[in-house]
N, C-alpha and C. Protein backbone atom coordinates (compact mmCIF):
# COMPACT_ATOMS: atom_id res chain seq x y z
N UNK A 1 28.70 47.66 136.82
CA UNK A 1 28.91 46.37 137.49
C UNK A 1 28.36 45.25 136.62
N UNK A 2 29.17 44.24 136.40
CA UNK A 2 28.74 43.07 135.63
C UNK A 2 28.93 41.83 136.49
N UNK A 3 27.86 41.03 136.66
CA UNK A 3 27.91 39.87 137.54
C UNK A 3 27.86 38.61 136.69
N UNK A 4 28.85 37.74 136.88
CA UNK A 4 28.95 36.50 136.11
C UNK A 4 28.96 35.31 137.06
N UNK A 5 28.38 34.20 136.61
CA UNK A 5 28.47 32.97 137.39
C UNK A 5 29.88 32.41 137.27
N UNK A 6 30.42 31.94 138.37
CA UNK A 6 31.72 31.29 138.38
C UNK A 6 31.52 29.89 138.94
N UNK A 7 31.00 29.00 138.11
CA UNK A 7 30.60 27.68 138.57
C UNK A 7 29.25 27.76 139.26
N UNK A 8 28.96 26.75 140.08
CA UNK A 8 27.64 26.72 140.74
C UNK A 8 27.71 27.16 142.20
N UNK A 9 28.86 27.72 142.59
CA UNK A 9 28.99 28.13 143.99
C UNK A 9 29.71 29.46 144.15
N UNK A 10 29.72 30.27 143.10
CA UNK A 10 30.42 31.56 143.21
C UNK A 10 29.94 32.51 142.13
N UNK A 11 30.13 33.81 142.42
CA UNK A 11 29.88 34.87 141.46
C UNK A 11 31.17 35.65 141.26
N UNK A 12 31.43 36.05 140.02
CA UNK A 12 32.53 36.95 139.73
C UNK A 12 31.94 38.28 139.31
N UNK A 13 32.22 39.31 140.09
CA UNK A 13 31.66 40.63 139.82
C UNK A 13 32.75 41.51 139.21
N UNK A 14 32.50 41.98 138.01
CA UNK A 14 33.42 42.91 137.35
C UNK A 14 33.02 44.32 137.73
N UNK A 15 33.88 44.98 138.51
CA UNK A 15 33.52 46.29 139.05
C UNK A 15 34.01 47.46 138.19
N UNK A 16 34.99 47.22 137.33
CA UNK A 16 35.49 48.27 136.46
C UNK A 16 36.77 48.91 136.94
N UNK A 17 36.97 49.02 138.26
CA UNK A 17 38.22 49.58 138.75
C UNK A 17 38.45 49.13 140.19
N UNK A 18 39.63 49.47 140.71
CA UNK A 18 40.02 49.03 142.05
C UNK A 18 39.18 49.65 143.16
N UNK A 19 38.94 50.98 143.17
CA UNK A 19 38.12 51.54 144.26
C UNK A 19 36.74 50.90 144.35
N UNK A 20 36.14 50.62 143.20
CA UNK A 20 34.81 49.99 143.22
C UNK A 20 34.89 48.57 143.76
N UNK A 21 35.98 47.86 143.45
CA UNK A 21 36.17 46.52 144.00
C UNK A 21 36.29 46.56 145.51
N UNK A 22 37.05 47.53 146.02
CA UNK A 22 37.20 47.66 147.47
C UNK A 22 35.88 48.05 148.14
N UNK A 23 35.10 48.92 147.49
CA UNK A 23 33.81 49.32 148.07
C UNK A 23 32.86 48.12 148.14
N UNK A 24 32.81 47.33 147.07
CA UNK A 24 31.92 46.17 147.06
C UNK A 24 32.38 45.13 148.08
N UNK A 25 33.68 44.94 148.18
CA UNK A 25 34.23 44.02 149.18
C UNK A 25 33.76 44.43 150.58
N UNK A 26 33.90 45.73 150.89
CA UNK A 26 33.50 46.22 152.20
C UNK A 26 32.00 46.07 152.42
N UNK A 27 31.22 46.37 151.39
CA UNK A 27 29.76 46.28 151.52
C UNK A 27 29.32 44.84 151.77
N UNK A 28 29.95 43.89 151.09
CA UNK A 28 29.59 42.48 151.29
C UNK A 28 29.98 42.01 152.67
N UNK A 29 31.16 42.43 153.14
CA UNK A 29 31.58 42.05 154.48
C UNK A 29 30.61 42.61 155.52
N UNK A 30 30.20 43.85 155.33
CA UNK A 30 29.30 44.48 156.30
C UNK A 30 27.91 43.86 156.26
N UNK A 31 27.47 43.43 155.08
CA UNK A 31 26.12 42.88 154.94
C UNK A 31 25.97 41.54 155.64
N UNK A 32 27.09 40.78 155.74
CA UNK A 32 27.07 39.49 156.43
C UNK A 32 25.90 38.62 155.95
N UNK A 33 25.84 38.39 154.64
CA UNK A 33 24.74 37.66 154.03
C UNK A 33 24.87 36.17 154.34
N UNK A 34 23.82 35.55 154.86
CA UNK A 34 23.87 34.12 155.16
C UNK A 34 24.25 33.30 153.92
N UNK A 35 25.18 32.40 154.08
CA UNK A 35 25.58 31.54 152.98
C UNK A 35 26.77 32.03 152.20
N UNK A 36 27.14 33.29 152.38
CA UNK A 36 28.35 33.80 151.72
C UNK A 36 29.56 33.35 152.53
N UNK A 37 30.44 32.59 151.89
CA UNK A 37 31.57 31.98 152.58
C UNK A 37 32.84 32.82 152.51
N UNK A 38 33.06 33.49 151.38
CA UNK A 38 34.29 34.27 151.24
C UNK A 38 34.09 35.34 150.19
N UNK A 39 34.81 36.45 150.36
CA UNK A 39 34.77 37.57 149.42
C UNK A 39 36.21 37.93 149.11
N UNK A 40 36.61 37.80 147.86
CA UNK A 40 38.01 37.99 147.47
C UNK A 40 38.10 39.10 146.43
N UNK A 41 38.63 40.27 146.80
CA UNK A 41 38.76 41.36 145.82
C UNK A 41 39.96 41.15 144.91
N UNK A 42 39.82 41.57 143.65
CA UNK A 42 40.92 41.66 142.71
C UNK A 42 41.11 43.11 142.32
N UNK A 43 41.85 43.36 141.23
CA UNK A 43 42.10 44.74 140.84
C UNK A 43 40.84 45.42 140.32
N UNK A 44 40.00 44.67 139.64
CA UNK A 44 38.74 45.24 139.15
C UNK A 44 37.63 44.20 139.21
N UNK A 45 37.76 43.24 140.11
CA UNK A 45 36.78 42.17 140.28
C UNK A 45 36.63 41.83 141.75
N UNK A 46 35.52 41.17 142.05
CA UNK A 46 35.31 40.60 143.38
C UNK A 46 34.72 39.20 143.18
N UNK A 47 35.36 38.20 143.77
CA UNK A 47 34.85 36.83 143.72
C UNK A 47 34.10 36.55 145.01
N UNK A 48 32.84 36.12 144.87
CA UNK A 48 32.00 35.84 146.03
C UNK A 48 31.68 34.35 146.03
N UNK A 49 32.21 33.64 147.02
CA UNK A 49 31.97 32.20 147.15
C UNK A 49 30.84 31.96 148.14
N UNK A 50 29.96 31.02 147.81
CA UNK A 50 28.78 30.79 148.65
C UNK A 50 28.57 29.30 148.89
N UNK A 51 27.73 29.02 149.87
CA UNK A 51 27.18 27.68 150.08
C UNK A 51 25.85 27.64 149.34
N UNK A 52 25.76 26.93 148.20
CA UNK A 52 24.53 26.96 147.40
C UNK A 52 23.29 26.51 148.17
N UNK A 53 23.48 25.72 149.22
CA UNK A 53 22.34 25.26 149.99
C UNK A 53 21.75 26.38 150.85
N UNK A 54 22.52 27.42 151.08
CA UNK A 54 22.07 28.51 151.95
C UNK A 54 21.96 29.85 151.24
N UNK A 55 22.50 29.95 150.04
CA UNK A 55 22.50 31.24 149.33
C UNK A 55 22.24 31.01 147.85
N UNK A 56 21.14 31.56 147.35
CA UNK A 56 20.79 31.44 145.94
C UNK A 56 21.59 32.45 145.12
N UNK A 57 22.33 31.95 144.13
CA UNK A 57 23.21 32.84 143.35
C UNK A 57 22.42 33.89 142.59
N UNK A 58 21.28 33.53 142.05
CA UNK A 58 20.48 34.50 141.29
C UNK A 58 19.99 35.64 142.17
N UNK A 59 19.51 35.32 143.35
CA UNK A 59 19.04 36.36 144.27
C UNK A 59 20.20 37.23 144.75
N UNK A 60 21.33 36.58 145.00
CA UNK A 60 22.49 37.36 145.44
C UNK A 60 22.95 38.31 144.35
N UNK A 61 22.98 37.83 143.10
CA UNK A 61 23.40 38.68 141.98
C UNK A 61 22.48 39.89 141.85
N UNK A 62 21.20 39.70 142.04
CA UNK A 62 20.25 40.81 141.93
C UNK A 62 20.40 41.79 143.08
N UNK A 63 20.86 41.30 144.21
CA UNK A 63 20.98 42.16 145.40
C UNK A 63 22.25 43.01 145.40
N UNK A 64 23.29 42.56 144.73
CA UNK A 64 24.59 43.23 144.82
C UNK A 64 24.56 44.72 144.48
N UNK A 65 23.91 45.15 143.39
CA UNK A 65 23.96 46.58 143.06
C UNK A 65 23.32 47.49 144.11
N UNK A 66 22.45 46.94 144.95
CA UNK A 66 21.74 47.78 145.92
C UNK A 66 22.28 47.65 147.33
N UNK A 67 23.42 46.97 147.50
CA UNK A 67 23.99 46.86 148.85
C UNK A 67 24.35 48.25 149.37
N UNK A 68 24.04 48.56 150.61
CA UNK A 68 24.42 49.87 151.16
C UNK A 68 25.93 50.00 151.26
N UNK A 69 26.46 51.17 150.99
CA UNK A 69 27.92 51.34 151.08
C UNK A 69 28.41 51.15 152.50
N UNK A 70 29.64 50.71 152.61
CA UNK A 70 30.24 50.50 153.93
C UNK A 70 31.65 51.05 153.93
N UNK A 71 32.06 51.59 155.04
CA UNK A 71 33.43 52.09 155.16
C UNK A 71 34.41 50.94 155.12
N UNK A 72 35.54 51.18 154.48
CA UNK A 72 36.56 50.14 154.39
C UNK A 72 37.63 50.44 155.42
N UNK A 73 37.57 49.72 156.56
CA UNK A 73 38.42 50.03 157.70
C UNK A 73 39.90 50.05 157.38
N UNK A 74 40.34 49.17 156.45
CA UNK A 74 41.77 49.09 156.15
C UNK A 74 42.30 50.40 155.56
N UNK A 75 41.43 51.21 154.98
CA UNK A 75 41.89 52.45 154.36
C UNK A 75 42.44 53.42 155.40
N UNK A 76 42.08 53.23 156.67
CA UNK A 76 42.56 54.11 157.72
C UNK A 76 43.85 53.62 158.35
N UNK A 77 44.40 52.53 157.82
CA UNK A 77 45.60 51.91 158.40
C UNK A 77 46.78 52.11 157.46
N UNK A 78 47.88 52.63 158.00
CA UNK A 78 49.12 52.74 157.23
C UNK A 78 50.18 51.89 157.90
N UNK A 79 50.78 50.98 157.14
CA UNK A 79 51.82 50.10 157.65
C UNK A 79 53.17 50.60 157.14
N UNK A 80 54.10 50.82 158.05
CA UNK A 80 55.45 51.24 157.66
C UNK A 80 56.37 50.02 157.67
N UNK A 81 57.06 49.81 156.56
CA UNK A 81 57.95 48.66 156.42
C UNK A 81 59.38 49.16 156.22
N UNK A 82 60.28 48.92 157.19
CA UNK A 82 61.68 49.32 157.01
C UNK A 82 62.35 48.43 155.97
N UNK A 83 63.18 49.03 155.12
CA UNK A 83 63.82 48.30 154.03
C UNK A 83 65.30 48.65 153.97
N UNK A 84 66.13 47.61 153.83
CA UNK A 84 67.52 47.80 153.46
C UNK A 84 67.59 47.64 151.94
N UNK A 85 67.96 48.69 151.24
CA UNK A 85 67.98 48.67 149.77
C UNK A 85 69.32 48.11 149.29
N UNK A 86 69.40 46.78 149.31
CA UNK A 86 70.61 46.10 148.89
C UNK A 86 70.29 44.98 147.88
N UNK A 87 69.21 45.14 147.14
CA UNK A 87 68.73 44.09 146.26
C UNK A 87 69.67 43.77 145.11
N UNK A 88 69.61 42.52 144.67
CA UNK A 88 70.47 42.04 143.58
C UNK A 88 70.24 42.80 142.28
N UNK A 89 69.04 43.35 142.10
CA UNK A 89 68.71 43.99 140.83
C UNK A 89 68.75 45.51 140.89
N UNK A 90 69.21 46.07 141.99
CA UNK A 90 69.15 47.52 142.14
C UNK A 90 69.97 48.23 141.06
N UNK A 91 71.17 47.73 140.78
CA UNK A 91 71.99 48.35 139.74
C UNK A 91 71.34 48.22 138.37
N UNK A 92 70.75 47.06 138.10
CA UNK A 92 70.11 46.85 136.80
C UNK A 92 68.89 47.74 136.64
N UNK A 93 68.11 47.88 137.72
CA UNK A 93 66.95 48.77 137.67
C UNK A 93 67.40 50.20 137.40
N UNK A 94 68.48 50.62 138.05
CA UNK A 94 69.01 51.97 137.82
C UNK A 94 69.40 52.14 136.35
N UNK A 95 70.05 51.13 135.79
CA UNK A 95 70.47 51.23 134.39
C UNK A 95 69.28 51.25 133.45
N UNK A 96 68.29 50.40 133.70
CA UNK A 96 67.12 50.32 132.82
C UNK A 96 66.27 51.59 132.86
N UNK A 97 66.24 52.25 134.01
CA UNK A 97 65.40 53.44 134.16
C UNK A 97 66.16 54.73 133.90
N UNK A 98 67.50 54.63 133.78
CA UNK A 98 68.30 55.84 133.59
C UNK A 98 68.46 56.64 134.86
N UNK A 99 68.23 56.03 136.00
CA UNK A 99 68.35 56.71 137.28
C UNK A 99 69.62 56.25 138.00
N UNK A 100 70.01 56.98 139.03
CA UNK A 100 71.07 56.51 139.91
C UNK A 100 70.46 55.51 140.90
N UNK A 101 71.32 54.75 141.57
CA UNK A 101 70.83 53.86 142.63
C UNK A 101 70.08 54.67 143.69
N UNK A 102 70.65 55.80 144.06
CA UNK A 102 70.03 56.63 145.08
C UNK A 102 68.66 57.12 144.65
N UNK A 103 68.53 57.44 143.36
CA UNK A 103 67.25 57.94 142.86
C UNK A 103 66.20 56.84 142.85
N UNK A 104 66.62 55.61 142.51
CA UNK A 104 65.68 54.48 142.55
C UNK A 104 65.15 54.31 143.97
N UNK A 105 66.06 54.33 144.95
CA UNK A 105 65.66 54.18 146.34
C UNK A 105 64.75 55.34 146.76
N UNK A 106 65.12 56.54 146.39
CA UNK A 106 64.34 57.72 146.78
C UNK A 106 62.94 57.66 146.20
N UNK A 107 62.84 57.29 144.93
CA UNK A 107 61.52 57.25 144.29
C UNK A 107 60.66 56.11 144.85
N UNK A 108 61.27 54.96 145.09
CA UNK A 108 60.50 53.83 145.62
C UNK A 108 60.01 54.12 147.03
N UNK A 109 60.84 54.74 147.85
CA UNK A 109 60.48 54.97 149.25
C UNK A 109 59.66 56.24 149.45
N UNK A 110 59.52 57.05 148.42
CA UNK A 110 58.76 58.30 148.55
C UNK A 110 57.26 58.10 148.37
N UNK A 111 56.86 56.96 147.82
CA UNK A 111 55.45 56.73 147.49
C UNK A 111 54.67 56.20 148.69
N UNK A 112 53.39 56.49 148.70
CA UNK A 112 52.46 55.82 149.60
C UNK A 112 51.65 54.85 148.76
N UNK A 113 51.73 53.58 149.10
CA UNK A 113 51.11 52.54 148.29
C UNK A 113 49.78 52.11 148.90
N UNK A 114 48.96 51.47 148.06
CA UNK A 114 47.69 50.91 148.52
C UNK A 114 47.67 49.43 148.15
N UNK A 115 47.27 48.59 149.09
CA UNK A 115 47.15 47.16 148.82
C UNK A 115 45.96 46.94 147.91
N UNK A 116 46.24 46.55 146.68
CA UNK A 116 45.15 46.31 145.73
C UNK A 116 44.46 44.98 146.02
N UNK A 117 45.26 43.93 146.15
CA UNK A 117 44.72 42.60 146.40
C UNK A 117 45.87 41.68 146.78
N UNK A 118 45.53 40.48 147.26
CA UNK A 118 46.51 39.47 147.60
C UNK A 118 46.44 38.35 146.58
N UNK A 119 47.59 37.76 146.26
CA UNK A 119 47.61 36.66 145.31
C UNK A 119 48.98 36.05 145.20
N UNK A 120 49.13 35.09 144.32
CA UNK A 120 50.38 34.39 144.03
C UNK A 120 50.80 33.47 145.16
N UNK A 121 50.91 34.00 146.37
CA UNK A 121 51.31 33.22 147.54
C UNK A 121 50.63 33.83 148.77
N UNK A 122 50.42 33.06 149.83
CA UNK A 122 49.79 33.61 151.03
C UNK A 122 50.55 34.84 151.55
N UNK A 123 49.81 35.95 151.67
CA UNK A 123 50.40 37.18 152.18
C UNK A 123 51.10 38.03 151.15
N UNK A 124 51.11 37.60 149.88
CA UNK A 124 51.76 38.40 148.82
C UNK A 124 50.78 39.48 148.37
N UNK A 125 51.11 40.74 148.68
CA UNK A 125 50.21 41.86 148.40
C UNK A 125 50.69 42.63 147.19
N UNK A 126 49.80 42.85 146.24
CA UNK A 126 50.10 43.69 145.08
C UNK A 126 49.81 45.13 145.47
N UNK A 127 50.86 45.96 145.52
CA UNK A 127 50.74 47.33 145.97
C UNK A 127 50.74 48.28 144.78
N UNK A 128 49.72 49.12 144.70
CA UNK A 128 49.64 50.11 143.64
C UNK A 128 50.20 51.44 144.12
N UNK A 129 50.58 52.30 143.17
CA UNK A 129 51.11 53.61 143.51
C UNK A 129 52.58 53.77 143.19
N UNK A 130 53.16 52.77 142.51
CA UNK A 130 54.58 52.83 142.17
C UNK A 130 54.86 53.97 141.20
N UNK A 131 55.96 54.69 141.44
CA UNK A 131 56.39 55.77 140.54
C UNK A 131 56.46 55.24 139.11
N UNK A 132 55.83 55.91 138.14
CA UNK A 132 55.84 55.42 136.75
C UNK A 132 57.23 55.20 136.18
N UNK A 133 58.22 55.95 136.65
CA UNK A 133 59.58 55.75 136.14
C UNK A 133 60.16 54.40 136.56
N UNK A 134 59.54 53.76 137.54
CA UNK A 134 60.02 52.46 138.00
C UNK A 134 59.21 51.30 137.43
N UNK A 135 58.30 51.59 136.52
CA UNK A 135 57.51 50.52 135.90
C UNK A 135 58.40 49.74 134.93
N UNK A 136 58.67 48.50 135.25
CA UNK A 136 59.49 47.64 134.41
C UNK A 136 58.81 46.29 134.24
N UNK A 137 58.95 45.65 133.09
CA UNK A 137 58.40 44.30 132.94
C UNK A 137 59.15 43.32 133.85
N UNK A 138 58.52 42.19 134.09
CA UNK A 138 59.19 41.15 134.86
C UNK A 138 60.51 40.76 134.22
N UNK A 139 61.40 40.18 135.01
CA UNK A 139 62.67 39.71 134.49
C UNK A 139 62.43 38.65 133.42
N UNK A 140 63.27 38.62 132.35
CA UNK A 140 63.07 37.63 131.29
C UNK A 140 63.12 36.20 131.80
N UNK A 141 63.97 35.96 132.80
CA UNK A 141 64.08 34.62 133.38
C UNK A 141 63.86 34.72 134.89
N UNK A 142 62.78 34.11 135.40
CA UNK A 142 62.54 34.20 136.84
C UNK A 142 63.58 33.40 137.63
N UNK A 143 63.77 33.79 138.87
CA UNK A 143 64.63 33.04 139.78
C UNK A 143 63.86 31.84 140.32
N UNK A 144 64.55 30.76 140.57
CA UNK A 144 63.90 29.59 141.14
C UNK A 144 63.59 29.78 142.62
N UNK A 145 64.30 30.71 143.27
CA UNK A 145 64.05 30.96 144.69
C UNK A 145 64.36 32.41 145.02
N UNK A 146 63.40 33.08 145.64
CA UNK A 146 63.57 34.45 146.12
C UNK A 146 63.37 34.41 147.63
N UNK A 147 64.25 35.03 148.37
CA UNK A 147 64.20 34.96 149.84
C UNK A 147 62.98 35.69 150.39
N UNK A 148 62.45 35.17 151.48
CA UNK A 148 61.37 35.86 152.19
C UNK A 148 61.85 37.24 152.62
N UNK A 149 60.97 38.22 152.50
CA UNK A 149 61.31 39.58 152.87
C UNK A 149 61.88 40.40 151.74
N UNK A 150 62.06 39.80 150.56
CA UNK A 150 62.59 40.55 149.42
C UNK A 150 61.57 41.58 148.95
N UNK A 151 62.02 42.82 148.78
CA UNK A 151 61.18 43.91 148.28
C UNK A 151 61.45 44.06 146.80
N UNK A 152 60.39 44.05 146.00
CA UNK A 152 60.58 43.94 144.56
C UNK A 152 59.55 44.76 143.80
N UNK A 153 59.84 44.96 142.51
CA UNK A 153 58.92 45.67 141.61
C UNK A 153 58.75 44.89 140.32
N UNK A 154 57.59 45.07 139.70
CA UNK A 154 57.32 44.51 138.37
C UNK A 154 56.06 45.17 137.83
N UNK A 155 56.12 45.62 136.58
CA UNK A 155 54.98 46.32 136.02
C UNK A 155 54.65 47.54 136.86
N UNK A 156 53.36 47.77 137.15
CA UNK A 156 52.98 48.93 137.96
C UNK A 156 52.96 48.65 139.46
N UNK A 157 53.47 47.49 139.87
CA UNK A 157 53.34 47.08 141.27
C UNK A 157 54.68 47.00 141.99
N UNK A 158 54.60 47.08 143.32
CA UNK A 158 55.69 46.67 144.18
C UNK A 158 55.11 45.71 145.21
N UNK A 159 55.98 44.92 145.83
CA UNK A 159 55.51 43.95 146.82
C UNK A 159 56.67 43.47 147.66
N UNK A 160 56.34 42.68 148.66
CA UNK A 160 57.33 42.01 149.51
C UNK A 160 57.03 40.51 149.47
N UNK A 161 58.02 39.71 149.12
CA UNK A 161 57.81 38.26 149.13
C UNK A 161 57.64 37.79 150.56
N UNK A 162 56.48 37.21 150.90
CA UNK A 162 56.23 36.82 152.29
C UNK A 162 56.94 35.53 152.70
N UNK A 163 57.34 34.74 151.72
CA UNK A 163 58.01 33.47 152.00
C UNK A 163 58.95 33.16 150.83
N UNK A 164 59.86 32.24 151.04
CA UNK A 164 60.78 31.84 149.99
C UNK A 164 59.98 31.17 148.87
N UNK A 165 60.18 31.65 147.65
CA UNK A 165 59.41 31.12 146.53
C UNK A 165 60.08 31.52 145.22
N UNK A 166 59.72 30.88 144.11
CA UNK A 166 60.19 31.37 142.82
C UNK A 166 59.65 32.78 142.58
N UNK A 167 60.32 33.52 141.70
CA UNK A 167 59.82 34.87 141.42
C UNK A 167 60.60 35.55 140.30
N UNK A 168 59.90 36.37 139.54
CA UNK A 168 60.52 37.06 138.42
C UNK A 168 60.53 38.56 138.54
N UNK A 169 60.29 39.09 139.75
CA UNK A 169 60.28 40.53 139.94
C UNK A 169 61.71 41.04 140.18
N UNK A 170 61.91 42.33 140.00
CA UNK A 170 63.22 42.96 140.21
C UNK A 170 63.40 43.25 141.70
N UNK A 171 64.49 42.74 142.28
CA UNK A 171 64.72 42.85 143.71
C UNK A 171 65.46 44.13 144.05
N UNK A 172 64.82 44.96 144.89
CA UNK A 172 65.41 46.24 145.29
C UNK A 172 66.05 46.18 146.67
N UNK A 173 65.58 45.31 147.54
CA UNK A 173 66.10 45.26 148.89
C UNK A 173 65.42 44.18 149.70
N UNK A 174 65.51 44.30 151.02
CA UNK A 174 64.86 43.31 151.87
C UNK A 174 64.40 43.95 153.17
N UNK A 175 63.46 43.29 153.82
CA UNK A 175 62.95 43.72 155.12
C UNK A 175 62.88 42.52 156.05
N UNK A 176 63.02 42.78 157.34
CA UNK A 176 62.86 41.73 158.34
C UNK A 176 61.43 41.67 158.87
N UNK A 177 60.57 42.54 158.39
CA UNK A 177 59.17 42.55 158.83
C UNK A 177 58.46 41.31 158.30
N UNK A 178 57.88 40.47 159.16
CA UNK A 178 57.17 39.28 158.68
C UNK A 178 55.83 39.65 158.04
N UNK A 179 55.65 39.24 156.80
CA UNK A 179 54.41 39.55 156.09
C UNK A 179 53.34 38.49 156.31
N UNK A 180 53.75 37.27 156.67
CA UNK A 180 52.79 36.17 156.83
C UNK A 180 53.17 35.38 158.08
N UNK A 181 52.21 35.23 158.99
CA UNK A 181 52.46 34.53 160.24
C UNK A 181 51.18 33.82 160.65
N UNK A 182 51.17 32.51 160.55
CA UNK A 182 49.95 31.74 160.84
C UNK A 182 49.58 31.76 162.31
N UNK A 183 50.46 32.26 163.17
CA UNK A 183 50.16 32.34 164.60
C UNK A 183 49.39 33.62 164.95
N UNK A 184 49.27 34.54 164.00
CA UNK A 184 48.47 35.74 164.23
C UNK A 184 47.01 35.46 163.92
N UNK A 185 46.12 36.20 164.56
CA UNK A 185 44.69 36.08 164.25
C UNK A 185 44.44 36.37 162.78
N UNK A 186 45.08 37.41 162.27
CA UNK A 186 45.07 37.73 160.85
C UNK A 186 46.46 37.41 160.32
N UNK A 187 46.65 36.25 159.67
CA UNK A 187 48.00 35.83 159.27
C UNK A 187 48.72 36.82 158.37
N UNK A 188 47.99 37.47 157.47
CA UNK A 188 48.62 38.41 156.55
C UNK A 188 48.74 39.78 157.19
N UNK A 189 49.95 40.34 157.21
CA UNK A 189 50.13 41.68 157.74
C UNK A 189 49.35 42.71 156.93
N UNK A 190 49.29 42.49 155.62
CA UNK A 190 48.64 43.45 154.72
C UNK A 190 47.32 42.89 154.22
N UNK A 191 46.32 43.75 154.15
CA UNK A 191 45.01 43.38 153.62
C UNK A 191 44.56 44.45 152.62
N UNK A 192 43.65 44.10 151.70
CA UNK A 192 43.22 45.06 150.69
C UNK A 192 42.73 46.37 151.28
N UNK A 193 43.19 47.47 150.69
CA UNK A 193 42.79 48.80 151.14
C UNK A 193 43.78 49.47 152.04
N UNK A 194 44.67 48.71 152.68
CA UNK A 194 45.68 49.31 153.55
C UNK A 194 46.64 50.18 152.76
N UNK A 195 47.20 51.19 153.43
CA UNK A 195 48.28 51.98 152.86
C UNK A 195 49.61 51.44 153.38
N UNK A 196 50.64 51.53 152.56
CA UNK A 196 51.96 51.01 152.91
C UNK A 196 53.01 52.03 152.52
N UNK A 197 53.95 52.27 153.42
CA UNK A 197 55.12 53.11 153.10
C UNK A 197 56.38 52.31 153.43
N UNK A 198 57.42 52.52 152.64
CA UNK A 198 58.71 51.88 152.86
C UNK A 198 59.69 52.91 153.38
N UNK A 199 60.35 52.61 154.50
CA UNK A 199 61.32 53.54 155.07
C UNK A 199 62.72 52.94 154.91
N UNK A 200 63.62 53.64 154.23
CA UNK A 200 64.97 53.11 154.01
C UNK A 200 65.77 53.03 155.30
N UNK A 201 66.48 51.93 155.46
CA UNK A 201 67.46 51.78 156.54
C UNK A 201 68.83 51.95 155.91
N UNK A 202 69.54 52.98 156.33
CA UNK A 202 70.86 53.24 155.74
C UNK A 202 71.93 52.45 156.48
N UNK A 203 72.76 51.79 155.73
CA UNK A 203 73.91 51.06 156.26
C UNK A 203 75.14 51.55 155.51
N UNK A 204 76.34 51.25 155.99
CA UNK A 204 77.54 51.67 155.25
C UNK A 204 77.55 51.17 153.81
N UNK A 205 76.93 50.00 153.59
CA UNK A 205 76.93 49.43 152.25
C UNK A 205 75.87 50.05 151.35
N UNK A 206 74.81 50.61 151.94
CA UNK A 206 73.70 51.11 151.14
C UNK A 206 73.56 52.61 151.16
N UNK A 207 74.44 53.33 151.84
CA UNK A 207 74.35 54.79 151.82
C UNK A 207 74.48 55.27 150.39
N UNK A 208 73.58 56.16 149.95
CA UNK A 208 73.63 56.64 148.59
C UNK A 208 74.99 57.23 148.25
N UNK A 209 75.45 56.87 147.07
CA UNK A 209 76.74 57.42 146.65
C UNK A 209 76.59 58.57 145.70
N UNK A 210 75.36 58.98 145.44
CA UNK A 210 75.16 60.07 144.50
C UNK A 210 73.89 60.80 144.81
N UNK A 211 73.55 61.81 144.06
CA UNK A 211 72.35 62.61 144.31
C UNK A 211 71.10 61.79 144.07
N UNK A 212 70.02 62.15 144.77
CA UNK A 212 68.75 61.42 144.65
C UNK A 212 67.87 62.02 143.58
N UNK A 213 68.37 62.90 142.78
CA UNK A 213 67.54 63.48 141.72
C UNK A 213 67.48 62.58 140.51
N UNK A 214 66.63 62.95 139.60
CA UNK A 214 66.44 62.29 138.31
C UNK A 214 67.00 60.91 138.29
């Protein structure tokens, strides 16, 4: 664990990997330290924002390695998201990976993903666990607008666009499940540590036309 100052009101903790980031996030939440305003996990970091008048950064930094472990409640939650695999890039992804359309759908929907962290836009969750055969770089030219509910992949991640926004990920399909709703107590459907599975919705237009192998 490496603790760095991030200005005069925050610490950036380099944890080394995602599980350690989730453990520290949970431990800080459970500790409920006076003056700590927010705890934001990344893939291998945790940002801790504080009120400097109530929390001394030096003392907090010294305390972090000895925080008692805490269970991460989100790890016990699995969210199922129904998907219609009709994305604009499905054929291109199949061509780039050497798979059939059906195989792309089968591989994407066969995985159980873990929410690594949220970023880019409110409710946009970076999900780890994508089949390595589906690891593709972002599109060379991003779209100026991607519809809310679009299910996409880029690099080692998959995600669902929670709102209409620009985006350069490969679009595999869409879901009607709302990922971000400010009227909920917890606006984001997904939070770090949750498990996510995608269940295909078959329609006449999306029924696989070939084998789901290779």
